[in-house]
Amino acid sequence: MKTIFAELKTSVLLTVVLAVLLGGVFPVTIWAGGQLFFRDKANGSLVVDRDGTIRGSALLAQNFASEKYFHPRPSAAGTGYDATNSSGTNFGPTSQKLADSIKAAVAAYRTENSLVADAPVPADAVTSSGSGLDPHISPANAALQAPRVAKARNLPLEKIQSLIAAHTDARDLGVLGEPGVNVLLLNRALDQTAAP
């Protein structure tokens, strides 16, 4: 009988110690380390105006529909860009719905950006990402949208191109992934640039 109570006492004590360590000390340590060393990233990489207004997160896409803004990738997340319902379209490469939606999106993109009927269109301009929340577009996509944005804002094209270059993220570690332009940060920089 003593052995059973000794084993039970050890089990209960071990459970309490592990609950305190893994349910309290460990999470607090990780949180404190994140706040100390990676404060911006640990808090969602929020984009905040000078007056303290939060405009969004540099990690999540937002819908910009006006012609004076760069447009993000299409989104299949919820009703579009819904962070609580992140998802892609899940259409396969042989899906007729996917082919039809891409064809319509290509035509709309060419019209919106005043491109010729057979102009190549970057894939990221007409297909959604796996999450539907990708905040980046390709530099090629941004370059094709630049003339529209320059005209709508009455800014020189060279100014828009320099803003695109300034907001293009390089490959991770120089070799991983592709360069990308963060749409929210680029559009925010455009709003802070006065027309001549």
N, C-alpha and C. Protein backbone atom coordinates (compact mmCIF):
# COMPACT_ATOMS: atom_id res chain seq x y z
N MET A 1 0.82 -1.19 0.00
CA MET A 1 0.00 0.00 0.00
C MET A 1 0.87 1.26 0.00
N LYS A 2 2.00 1.21 0.76
CA LYS A 2 2.89 2.36 0.79
C LYS A 2 3.44 2.66 -0.60
N THR A 3 3.71 1.64 -1.35
CA THR A 3 4.28 1.82 -2.69
C THR A 3 3.30 2.54 -3.61
N ILE A 4 2.02 2.21 -3.53
CA ILE A 4 1.02 2.86 -4.36
C ILE A 4 0.92 4.35 -4.02
N PHE A 5 0.89 4.68 -2.72
CA PHE A 5 0.82 6.09 -2.32
C PHE A 5 2.10 6.84 -2.69
N ALA A 6 3.24 6.19 -2.61
CA ALA A 6 4.51 6.82 -2.99
C ALA A 6 4.52 7.12 -4.49
N GLU A 7 4.04 6.15 -5.29
CA GLU A 7 3.97 6.34 -6.74
C GLU A 7 2.97 7.44 -7.09
N LEU A 8 1.83 7.45 -6.42
CA LEU A 8 0.81 8.46 -6.66
C LEU A 8 1.33 9.85 -6.29
N LYS A 9 2.03 9.94 -5.16
CA LYS A 9 2.61 11.21 -4.72
C LYS A 9 3.63 11.70 -5.75
N THR A 10 4.48 10.82 -6.24
CA THR A 10 5.48 11.18 -7.25
C THR A 10 4.81 11.65 -8.54
N SER A 11 3.78 10.94 -8.95
CA SER A 11 3.06 11.30 -10.18
C SER A 11 2.40 12.67 -10.08
N VAL A 12 1.73 12.92 -8.96
CA VAL A 12 1.07 14.21 -8.76
C VAL A 12 2.10 15.33 -8.70
N LEU A 13 3.18 15.11 -7.97
CA LEU A 13 4.24 16.12 -7.85
C LEU A 13 4.86 16.41 -9.21
N LEU A 14 5.15 15.38 -10.00
CA LEU A 14 5.72 15.56 -11.33
C LEU A 14 4.75 16.31 -12.24
N THR A 15 3.47 15.99 -12.16
CA THR A 15 2.46 16.69 -12.95
C THR A 15 2.41 18.18 -12.61
N VAL A 16 2.44 18.50 -11.34
CA VAL A 16 2.43 19.90 -10.91
C VAL A 16 3.68 20.63 -11.39
N VAL A 17 4.84 20.01 -11.22
CA VAL A 17 6.11 20.65 -11.64
C VAL A 17 6.11 20.88 -13.15
N LEU A 18 5.72 19.87 -13.93
CA LEU A 18 5.69 20.02 -15.39
C LEU A 18 4.64 21.04 -15.83
N ALA A 19 3.50 21.09 -15.14
CA ALA A 19 2.47 22.09 -15.48
C ALA A 19 2.99 23.49 -15.26
N VAL A 20 3.71 23.70 -14.16
CA VAL A 20 4.27 25.03 -13.87
C VAL A 20 5.35 25.37 -14.90
N LEU A 21 6.25 24.42 -15.18
CA LEU A 21 7.33 24.68 -16.12
C LEU A 21 6.82 24.88 -17.55
N LEU A 22 6.03 23.94 -18.05
CA LEU A 22 5.60 23.97 -19.44
C LEU A 22 4.38 24.85 -19.68
N GLY A 23 3.57 25.08 -18.65
CA GLY A 23 2.39 25.91 -18.81
C GLY A 23 2.58 27.33 -18.33
N GLY A 24 3.67 27.61 -17.65
CA GLY A 24 3.90 28.95 -17.11
C GLY A 24 5.27 29.51 -17.46
N VAL A 25 6.31 28.87 -16.95
CA VAL A 25 7.68 29.39 -17.12
C VAL A 25 8.09 29.43 -18.59
N PHE A 26 7.89 28.32 -19.30
CA PHE A 26 8.29 28.27 -20.71
C PHE A 26 7.57 29.31 -21.58
N PRO A 27 6.23 29.41 -21.54
CA PRO A 27 5.56 30.43 -22.36
C PRO A 27 5.96 31.86 -22.00
N VAL A 28 6.13 32.14 -20.72
CA VAL A 28 6.55 33.48 -20.31
C VAL A 28 7.96 33.78 -20.81
N THR A 29 8.85 32.80 -20.77
CA THR A 29 10.22 32.98 -21.26
C THR A 29 10.22 33.26 -22.76
N ILE A 30 9.44 32.49 -23.52
CA ILE A 30 9.35 32.71 -24.97
C ILE A 30 8.76 34.08 -25.26
N TRP A 31 7.69 34.45 -24.57
CA TRP A 31 7.07 35.76 -24.77
C TRP A 31 8.07 36.89 -24.45
N ALA A 32 8.77 36.78 -23.32
CA ALA A 32 9.73 37.81 -22.92
C ALA A 32 10.87 37.92 -23.93
N GLY A 33 11.35 36.77 -24.40
CA GLY A 33 12.42 36.79 -25.41
C GLY A 33 11.96 37.45 -26.70
N GLY A 34 10.73 37.15 -27.12
CA GLY A 34 10.19 37.77 -28.32
C GLY A 34 10.05 39.28 -28.16
N GLN A 35 9.56 39.72 -26.99
CA GLN A 35 9.41 41.16 -26.74
C GLN A 35 10.76 41.86 -26.66
N LEU A 36 11.75 41.16 -26.14
CA LEU A 36 13.08 41.76 -25.96
C LEU A 36 13.87 41.82 -27.27
N PHE A 37 13.86 40.73 -28.03
CA PHE A 37 14.72 40.64 -29.21
C PHE A 37 14.00 40.87 -30.54
N PHE A 38 12.70 40.61 -30.61
CA PHE A 38 11.96 40.72 -31.88
C PHE A 38 10.63 41.42 -31.65
N ARG A 39 10.64 42.56 -30.99
CA ARG A 39 9.41 43.23 -30.57
C ARG A 39 8.44 43.46 -31.72
N ASP A 40 8.91 44.00 -32.83
CA ASP A 40 8.03 44.30 -33.96
C ASP A 40 7.39 43.03 -34.51
N LYS A 41 8.19 42.01 -34.74
CA LYS A 41 7.66 40.77 -35.31
C LYS A 41 6.77 40.03 -34.31
N ALA A 42 7.13 40.05 -33.05
CA ALA A 42 6.33 39.35 -32.03
C ALA A 42 4.96 39.99 -31.86
N ASN A 43 4.83 41.24 -32.23
CA ASN A 43 3.55 41.94 -32.09
C ASN A 43 2.81 42.10 -33.41
N GLY A 44 3.19 41.32 -34.42
CA GLY A 44 2.42 41.29 -35.67
C GLY A 44 2.91 42.17 -36.78
N SER A 45 4.10 42.77 -36.66
CA SER A 45 4.65 43.65 -37.71
C SER A 45 3.62 44.70 -38.14
N LEU A 46 3.04 45.38 -37.16
CA LEU A 46 1.99 46.36 -37.44
C LEU A 46 2.56 47.60 -38.13
N VAL A 47 1.79 48.12 -39.06
CA VAL A 47 2.14 49.35 -39.77
C VAL A 47 1.32 50.46 -39.11
N VAL A 48 2.01 51.40 -38.47
CA VAL A 48 1.36 52.43 -37.66
C VAL A 48 1.70 53.81 -38.20
N ASP A 49 0.68 54.67 -38.34
CA ASP A 49 0.91 56.06 -38.76
C ASP A 49 1.52 56.85 -37.61
N ARG A 50 1.98 58.05 -37.93
CA ARG A 50 2.59 58.92 -36.90
C ARG A 50 1.62 59.25 -35.78
N ASP A 51 0.31 59.29 -36.11
CA ASP A 51 -0.68 59.62 -35.08
C ASP A 51 -1.11 58.41 -34.26
N GLY A 52 -0.49 57.26 -34.52
CA GLY A 52 -0.79 56.05 -33.75
C GLY A 52 -1.87 55.16 -34.36
N THR A 53 -2.41 55.55 -35.51
CA THR A 53 -3.44 54.74 -36.17
C THR A 53 -2.80 53.51 -36.82
N ILE A 54 -3.33 52.34 -36.51
CA ILE A 54 -2.82 51.10 -37.11
C ILE A 54 -3.44 50.93 -38.48
N ARG A 55 -2.61 50.81 -39.51
CA ARG A 55 -3.08 50.67 -40.88
C ARG A 55 -3.14 49.23 -41.35
N GLY A 56 -2.52 48.33 -40.61
CA GLY A 56 -2.53 46.92 -40.99
C GLY A 56 -1.24 46.26 -40.54
N SER A 57 -0.98 45.10 -41.10
CA SER A 57 0.23 44.35 -40.81
C SER A 57 1.02 44.18 -42.10
N ALA A 58 2.32 44.31 -41.99
CA ALA A 58 3.17 44.11 -43.16
C ALA A 58 3.17 42.65 -43.60
N LEU A 59 2.57 41.77 -42.80
CA LEU A 59 2.54 40.34 -43.10
C LEU A 59 1.25 39.89 -43.79
N LEU A 60 0.25 40.77 -43.87
CA LEU A 60 -1.05 40.40 -44.42
C LEU A 60 -1.49 41.36 -45.53
N ALA A 61 -2.02 40.80 -46.60
CA ALA A 61 -2.50 41.62 -47.71
C ALA A 61 -3.80 42.32 -47.34
N GLN A 62 -4.02 43.44 -48.00
CA GLN A 62 -5.28 44.17 -47.88
C GLN A 62 -5.75 44.47 -49.29
N ASN A 63 -7.04 44.67 -49.45
CA ASN A 63 -7.57 44.97 -50.77
C ASN A 63 -7.44 46.47 -51.04
N PHE A 64 -6.79 46.80 -52.14
CA PHE A 64 -6.71 48.17 -52.62
C PHE A 64 -7.34 48.17 -54.01
N ALA A 65 -8.47 48.83 -54.16
CA ALA A 65 -9.20 48.79 -55.43
C ALA A 65 -9.02 50.05 -56.27
N SER A 66 -8.67 51.17 -55.65
CA SER A 66 -8.54 52.44 -56.37
C SER A 66 -7.38 52.37 -57.36
N GLU A 67 -7.54 53.06 -58.48
CA GLU A 67 -6.49 53.04 -59.50
C GLU A 67 -5.23 53.78 -59.05
N LYS A 68 -5.31 54.56 -57.98
CA LYS A 68 -4.11 55.26 -57.51
C LYS A 68 -3.26 54.42 -56.57
N TYR A 69 -3.67 53.16 -56.35
CA TYR A 69 -2.91 52.24 -55.51
C TYR A 69 -2.48 51.01 -56.30
N PHE A 70 -1.38 50.42 -55.86
CA PHE A 70 -0.98 49.12 -56.39
C PHE A 70 -1.94 48.09 -55.82
N HIS A 71 -2.30 47.12 -56.62
CA HIS A 71 -3.25 46.09 -56.21
C HIS A 71 -2.50 44.83 -55.82
N PRO A 72 -2.94 44.16 -54.76
CA PRO A 72 -2.28 42.92 -54.32
C PRO A 72 -2.72 41.74 -55.18
N ARG A 73 -2.20 40.57 -54.83
CA ARG A 73 -2.64 39.35 -55.49
C ARG A 73 -4.12 39.14 -55.21
N PRO A 74 -4.82 38.47 -56.10
CA PRO A 74 -6.21 38.12 -55.80
C PRO A 74 -6.26 37.25 -54.54
N SER A 75 -7.38 37.28 -53.85
CA SER A 75 -7.51 36.52 -52.62
C SER A 75 -8.73 35.61 -52.66
N ALA A 76 -8.55 34.38 -52.17
CA ALA A 76 -9.67 33.44 -52.02
C ALA A 76 -9.99 33.23 -50.55
N ALA A 77 -9.43 34.07 -49.69
CA ALA A 77 -9.64 33.93 -48.23
C ALA A 77 -10.97 34.55 -47.84
N GLY A 78 -11.91 33.71 -47.48
CA GLY A 78 -13.23 34.21 -47.08
C GLY A 78 -13.86 35.01 -48.20
N THR A 79 -14.28 36.23 -47.91
CA THR A 79 -14.82 37.11 -48.94
C THR A 79 -13.71 37.94 -49.57
N GLY A 80 -12.48 37.58 -49.30
CA GLY A 80 -11.31 38.27 -49.83
C GLY A 80 -10.52 38.95 -48.74
N TYR A 81 -9.25 38.54 -48.60
CA TYR A 81 -8.33 39.13 -47.63
C TYR A 81 -8.84 39.02 -46.19
N ASP A 82 -9.57 37.95 -45.89
CA ASP A 82 -10.13 37.72 -44.57
C ASP A 82 -9.16 36.86 -43.76
N ALA A 83 -8.45 37.47 -42.81
CA ALA A 83 -7.43 36.76 -42.05
C ALA A 83 -7.99 35.66 -41.17
N THR A 84 -9.28 35.71 -40.88
CA THR A 84 -9.88 34.64 -40.07
C THR A 84 -10.28 33.43 -40.91
N ASN A 85 -10.16 33.56 -42.23
CA ASN A 85 -10.57 32.46 -43.12
C ASN A 85 -9.53 32.28 -44.21
N SER A 86 -8.29 32.15 -43.84
CA SER A 86 -7.18 32.04 -44.77
C SER A 86 -7.26 30.75 -45.57
N SER A 87 -7.23 30.89 -46.90
CA SER A 87 -7.25 29.70 -47.76
C SER A 87 -6.99 30.09 -49.21
N GLY A 88 -6.69 29.09 -50.00
CA GLY A 88 -6.56 29.27 -51.44
C GLY A 88 -7.83 28.78 -52.11
N THR A 89 -7.81 28.69 -53.44
CA THR A 89 -9.00 28.27 -54.17
C THR A 89 -9.16 26.76 -54.16
N ASN A 90 -8.07 26.03 -54.02
CA ASN A 90 -8.05 24.57 -54.06
C ASN A 90 -8.48 24.00 -55.40
N PHE A 91 -8.46 24.80 -56.47
CA PHE A 91 -8.72 24.28 -57.80
C PHE A 91 -7.46 23.61 -58.32
N GLY A 92 -7.61 22.46 -58.96
CA GLY A 92 -6.47 21.75 -59.53
C GLY A 92 -6.11 22.31 -60.90
N PRO A 93 -4.95 21.90 -61.44
CA PRO A 93 -4.50 22.44 -62.73
C PRO A 93 -5.41 22.09 -63.90
N THR A 94 -6.25 21.07 -63.76
CA THR A 94 -7.17 20.71 -64.84
C THR A 94 -8.57 21.28 -64.64
N SER A 95 -8.75 22.10 -63.62
CA SER A 95 -10.06 22.66 -63.31
C SER A 95 -10.48 23.70 -64.35
N GLN A 96 -11.66 23.53 -64.91
CA GLN A 96 -12.18 24.49 -65.88
C GLN A 96 -12.51 25.81 -65.19
N LYS A 97 -12.97 25.75 -63.93
CA LYS A 97 -13.25 26.99 -63.18
C LYS A 97 -11.99 27.82 -63.01
N LEU A 98 -10.88 27.15 -62.71
CA LEU A 98 -9.60 27.85 -62.56
C LEU A 98 -9.19 28.49 -63.87
N ALA A 99 -9.28 27.74 -64.96
CA ALA A 99 -8.91 28.27 -66.28
C ALA A 99 -9.77 29.47 -66.64
N ASP A 100 -11.07 29.37 -66.39
CA ASP A 100 -11.99 30.47 -66.72
C ASP A 100 -11.71 31.70 -65.86
N SER A 101 -11.45 31.49 -64.57
CA SER A 101 -11.19 32.63 -63.68
C SER A 101 -9.87 33.31 -64.04
N ILE A 102 -8.87 32.54 -64.42
CA ILE A 102 -7.59 33.13 -64.82
C ILE A 102 -7.75 33.91 -66.11
N LYS A 103 -8.48 33.35 -67.07
CA LYS A 103 -8.71 34.04 -68.34
C LYS A 103 -9.40 35.38 -68.11
N ALA A 104 -10.43 35.38 -67.26
CA ALA A 104 -11.14 36.63 -66.95
C ALA A 104 -10.24 37.61 -66.21
N ALA A 105 -9.43 37.10 -65.28
CA ALA A 105 -8.54 37.97 -64.52
C ALA A 105 -7.45 38.58 -65.41
N VAL A 106 -6.94 37.80 -66.36
CA VAL A 106 -5.94 38.32 -67.30
C VAL A 106 -6.54 39.45 -68.13
N ALA A 107 -7.74 39.26 -68.64
CA ALA A 107 -8.39 40.30 -69.44
C ALA A 107 -8.63 41.56 -68.61
N ALA A 108 -9.09 41.38 -67.38
CA ALA A 108 -9.33 42.53 -66.50
C ALA A 108 -8.04 43.25 -66.16
N TYR A 109 -6.98 42.50 -65.91
CA TYR A 109 -5.68 43.10 -65.57
C TYR A 109 -5.15 43.93 -66.74
N ARG A 110 -5.25 43.36 -67.95
CA ARG A 110 -4.77 44.09 -69.13
C ARG A 110 -5.57 45.38 -69.33
N THR A 111 -6.88 45.31 -69.17
CA THR A 111 -7.72 46.49 -69.32
C THR A 111 -7.40 47.53 -68.26
N GLU A 112 -7.33 47.10 -67.01
CA GLU A 112 -7.09 48.00 -65.88
C GLU A 112 -5.76 48.74 -66.01
N ASN A 113 -4.75 48.06 -66.56
CA ASN A 113 -3.41 48.65 -66.66
C ASN A 113 -3.06 49.11 -68.06
N SER A 114 -4.06 49.22 -68.94
CA SER A 114 -3.89 49.72 -70.31
C SER A 114 -2.80 48.96 -71.07
N LEU A 115 -2.84 47.65 -70.99
CA LEU A 115 -1.87 46.81 -71.70
C LEU A 115 -2.48 46.35 -73.03
N VAL A 116 -1.61 46.02 -73.98
CA VAL A 116 -2.10 45.49 -75.25
C VAL A 116 -2.72 44.12 -75.02
N ALA A 117 -3.53 43.68 -75.96
CA ALA A 117 -4.32 42.46 -75.79
C ALA A 117 -3.49 41.19 -75.59
N ASP A 118 -2.26 41.18 -76.09
CA ASP A 118 -1.45 39.96 -75.94
C ASP A 118 -0.26 40.16 -74.99
N ALA A 119 -0.31 41.20 -74.18
CA ALA A 119 0.80 41.47 -73.24
C ALA A 119 0.88 40.35 -72.20
N PRO A 120 2.10 39.88 -71.90
CA PRO A 120 2.24 38.87 -70.86
C PRO A 120 1.83 39.44 -69.50
N VAL A 121 1.18 38.62 -68.71
CA VAL A 121 0.72 39.02 -67.38
C VAL A 121 1.36 38.10 -66.35
N PRO A 122 2.00 38.66 -65.31
CA PRO A 122 2.62 37.80 -64.29
C PRO A 122 1.59 36.92 -63.60
N ALA A 123 1.98 35.70 -63.28
CA ALA A 123 1.06 34.74 -62.66
C ALA A 123 0.49 35.27 -61.35
N ASP A 124 1.30 36.00 -60.57
CA ASP A 124 0.81 36.47 -59.27
C ASP A 124 -0.25 37.57 -59.41
N ALA A 125 -0.42 38.11 -60.61
CA ALA A 125 -1.45 39.13 -60.81
C ALA A 125 -2.83 38.54 -61.00
N VAL A 126 -2.89 37.24 -61.31
CA VAL A 126 -4.18 36.63 -61.65
C VAL A 126 -4.48 35.36 -60.86
N THR A 127 -3.58 34.95 -59.99
CA THR A 127 -3.81 33.77 -59.15
C THR A 127 -3.61 34.12 -57.69
N SER A 128 -4.40 33.50 -56.83
CA SER A 128 -4.24 33.78 -55.40
C SER A 128 -3.15 32.90 -54.82
N SER A 129 -2.61 33.33 -53.70
CA SER A 129 -1.61 32.53 -53.00
C SER A 129 -2.32 31.43 -52.21
N GLY A 130 -1.55 30.52 -51.67
CA GLY A 130 -2.13 29.43 -50.88
C GLY A 130 -2.91 29.93 -49.68
N SER A 131 -2.47 31.04 -49.09
CA SER A 131 -3.16 31.58 -47.92
C SER A 131 -4.24 32.59 -48.30
N GLY A 132 -4.11 33.20 -49.48
CA GLY A 132 -5.01 34.27 -49.86
C GLY A 132 -4.67 35.58 -49.18
N LEU A 133 -3.55 35.60 -48.44
CA LEU A 133 -3.17 36.78 -47.66
C LEU A 133 -1.75 37.25 -47.94
N ASP A 134 -1.14 36.77 -49.01
CA ASP A 134 0.25 37.12 -49.32
C ASP A 134 0.37 38.63 -49.54
N PRO A 135 1.22 39.31 -48.74
CA PRO A 135 1.31 40.76 -48.85
C PRO A 135 2.19 41.25 -50.01
N HIS A 136 2.85 40.33 -50.70
CA HIS A 136 3.79 40.71 -51.74
C HIS A 136 3.27 40.43 -53.15
N ILE A 137 3.73 41.25 -54.08
CA ILE A 137 3.55 40.97 -55.50
C ILE A 137 4.94 40.94 -56.11
N SER A 138 5.06 40.39 -57.30
CA SER A 138 6.36 40.31 -57.95
C SER A 138 6.76 41.70 -58.47
N PRO A 139 8.07 41.95 -58.60
CA PRO A 139 8.50 43.22 -59.19
C PRO A 139 7.94 43.43 -60.60
N ALA A 140 7.76 42.34 -61.36
CA ALA A 140 7.18 42.46 -62.70
C ALA A 140 5.73 42.94 -62.63
N ASN A 141 4.97 42.43 -61.69
CA ASN A 141 3.59 42.86 -61.49
C ASN A 141 3.55 44.34 -61.11
N ALA A 142 4.42 44.73 -60.19
CA ALA A 142 4.46 46.14 -59.77
C ALA A 142 4.85 47.05 -60.94
N ALA A 143 5.80 46.60 -61.76
CA ALA A 143 6.25 47.41 -62.90
C ALA A 143 5.11 47.63 -63.90
N LEU A 144 4.27 46.62 -64.11
CA LEU A 144 3.14 46.77 -65.03
C LEU A 144 2.05 47.69 -64.48
N GLN A 145 1.93 47.75 -63.15
CA GLN A 145 0.93 48.63 -62.54
C GLN A 145 1.42 50.07 -62.40
N ALA A 146 2.75 50.26 -62.47
CA ALA A 146 3.35 51.59 -62.21
C ALA A 146 2.80 52.70 -63.10
N PRO A 147 2.67 52.51 -64.43
CA PRO A 147 2.14 53.61 -65.25
C PRO A 147 0.73 54.05 -64.84
N ARG A 148 -0.13 53.08 -64.48
CA ARG A 148 -1.49 53.42 -64.04
C ARG A 148 -1.46 54.26 -62.78
N VAL A 149 -0.64 53.84 -61.81
CA VAL A 149 -0.55 54.55 -60.54
C VAL A 149 0.05 55.95 -60.76
N ALA A 150 1.09 56.05 -61.60
CA ALA A 150 1.72 57.35 -61.88
C ALA A 150 0.71 58.31 -62.50
N LYS A 151 -0.08 57.80 -63.45
CA LYS A 151 -1.08 58.65 -64.11
C LYS A 151 -2.16 59.08 -63.12
N ALA A 152 -2.65 58.15 -62.31
CA ALA A 152 -3.72 58.47 -61.35
C ALA A 152 -3.26 59.45 -60.29
N ARG A 153 -1.98 59.42 -59.95
CA ARG A 153 -1.46 60.30 -58.90
C ARG A 153 -0.76 61.54 -59.46
N ASN A 154 -0.67 61.62 -60.78
CA ASN A 154 0.02 62.74 -61.41
C ASN A 154 1.47 62.85 -60.91
N LEU A 155 2.13 61.70 -60.88
CA LEU A 155 3.54 61.64 -60.48
C LEU A 155 4.37 61.12 -61.64
N PRO A 156 5.64 61.50 -61.71
CA PRO A 156 6.50 60.96 -62.76
C PRO A 156 6.69 59.44 -62.57
N LEU A 157 6.71 58.72 -63.68
CA LEU A 157 6.88 57.27 -63.63
C LEU A 157 8.17 56.89 -62.92
N GLU A 158 9.22 57.70 -63.09
CA GLU A 158 10.51 57.41 -62.45
C GLU A 158 10.38 57.42 -60.93
N LYS A 159 9.55 58.30 -60.40
CA LYS A 159 9.33 58.37 -58.95
C LYS A 159 8.65 57.09 -58.46
N ILE A 160 7.66 56.63 -59.20
CA ILE A 160 6.96 55.39 -58.84
C ILE A 160 7.92 54.21 -58.91
N GLN A 161 8.74 54.18 -59.94
CA GLN A 161 9.70 53.08 -60.09
C GLN A 161 10.72 53.08 -58.96
N SER A 162 11.14 54.26 -58.51
CA SER A 162 12.10 54.31 -57.40
C SER A 162 11.44 53.85 -56.09
N LEU A 163 10.15 54.14 -55.92
CA LEU A 163 9.44 53.65 -54.73
C LEU A 163 9.30 52.12 -54.78
N ILE A 164 9.05 51.58 -55.97
CA ILE A 164 8.98 50.13 -56.12
C ILE A 164 10.32 49.51 -55.73
N ALA A 165 11.40 50.07 -56.23
CA ALA A 165 12.74 49.53 -55.92
C ALA A 165 13.02 49.61 -54.42
N ALA A 166 12.60 50.70 -53.78
CA ALA A 166 12.85 50.87 -52.35
C ALA A 166 12.04 49.91 -51.50
N HIS A 167 10.92 49.42 -52.03
CA HIS A 167 10.05 48.53 -51.26
C HIS A 167 10.08 47.08 -51.77
N THR A 168 11.11 46.75 -52.53
CA THR A 168 11.29 45.38 -53.00
C THR A 168 12.18 44.64 -52.02
N ASP A 169 11.65 43.55 -51.47
CA ASP A 169 12.41 42.71 -50.55
C ASP A 169 13.24 41.72 -51.35
N ALA A 170 14.50 41.57 -50.96
CA ALA A 170 15.39 40.63 -51.64
C ALA A 170 15.06 39.20 -51.23
N ARG A 171 15.70 38.25 -51.86
CA ARG A 171 15.55 36.84 -51.49
C ARG A 171 16.08 36.63 -50.09
N ASP A 172 15.45 35.75 -49.33
CA ASP A 172 15.92 35.42 -47.99
C ASP A 172 17.28 34.76 -48.09
N LEU A 173 18.22 35.24 -47.30
CA LEU A 173 19.60 34.74 -47.29
C LEU A 173 20.26 34.81 -48.66
N GLY A 174 19.69 35.62 -49.55
CA GLY A 174 20.26 35.81 -50.88
C GLY A 174 19.92 34.73 -51.90
N VAL A 175 19.33 33.61 -51.46
CA VAL A 175 19.06 32.51 -52.39
C VAL A 175 17.66 31.92 -52.27
N LEU A 176 16.97 32.13 -51.16
CA LEU A 176 15.68 31.49 -50.93
C LEU A 176 14.52 32.37 -51.39
N GLY A 177 13.59 31.79 -52.14
CA GLY A 177 12.42 32.52 -52.58
C GLY A 177 12.72 33.47 -53.72
N GLU A 178 11.77 34.33 -53.98
CA GLU A 178 11.88 35.32 -55.05
C GLU A 178 11.74 36.72 -54.47
N PRO A 179 12.30 37.73 -55.12
CA PRO A 179 12.08 39.10 -54.65
C PRO A 179 10.59 39.43 -54.69
N GLY A 180 10.15 40.27 -53.76
CA GLY A 180 8.74 40.65 -53.70
C GLY A 180 8.58 42.09 -53.25
N VAL A 181 7.48 42.69 -53.67
CA VAL A 181 7.17 44.08 -53.31
C VAL A 181 6.00 44.05 -52.33
N ASN A 182 6.21 44.60 -51.13
CA ASN A 182 5.15 44.64 -50.13
C ASN A 182 4.15 45.74 -50.51
N VAL A 183 2.94 45.34 -50.86
CA VAL A 183 1.94 46.27 -51.39
C VAL A 183 1.50 47.31 -50.36
N LEU A 184 1.26 46.88 -49.13
CA LEU A 184 0.82 47.84 -48.10
C LEU A 184 1.88 48.90 -47.85
N LEU A 185 3.13 48.49 -47.71
CA LEU A 185 4.20 49.45 -47.45
C LEU A 185 4.42 50.38 -48.65
N LEU A 186 4.31 49.84 -49.86
CA LEU A 186 4.45 50.66 -51.06
C LEU A 186 3.32 51.68 -51.16
N ASN A 187 2.09 51.24 -50.94
CA ASN A 187 0.95 52.17 -51.02
C ASN A 187 1.02 53.23 -49.93
N ARG A 188 1.51 52.85 -48.78
CA ARG A 188 1.67 53.83 -47.69
C ARG A 188 2.72 54.88 -48.07
N ALA A 189 3.81 54.43 -48.69
CA ALA A 189 4.83 55.38 -49.16
C ALA A 189 4.27 56.30 -50.24
N LEU A 190 3.40 55.76 -51.09
CA LEU A 190 2.77 56.60 -52.12
C LEU A 190 1.91 57.69 -51.47
N ASP A 191 1.17 57.34 -50.45
CA ASP A 191 0.33 58.34 -49.76
C ASP A 191 1.15 59.42 -49.10
N GLN A 192 2.39 59.09 -48.73
CA GLN A 192 3.26 60.07 -48.08
C GLN A 192 4.05 60.90 -49.10
N THR A 193 3.90 60.57 -50.40
CA THR A 193 4.59 61.30 -51.46
C THR A 193 3.63 62.30 -52.07
N ALA A 194 3.97 63.56 -52.02
CA ALA A 194 3.10 64.60 -52.54
C ALA A 194 3.25 64.70 -54.05
N ALA A 195 2.17 65.01 -54.72
CA ALA A 195 2.20 65.23 -56.17
C ALA A 195 2.94 66.54 -56.44
N PRO A 196 3.61 66.65 -57.62
CA PRO A 196 4.35 67.89 -57.92
C PRO A 196 3.42 69.07 -58.11
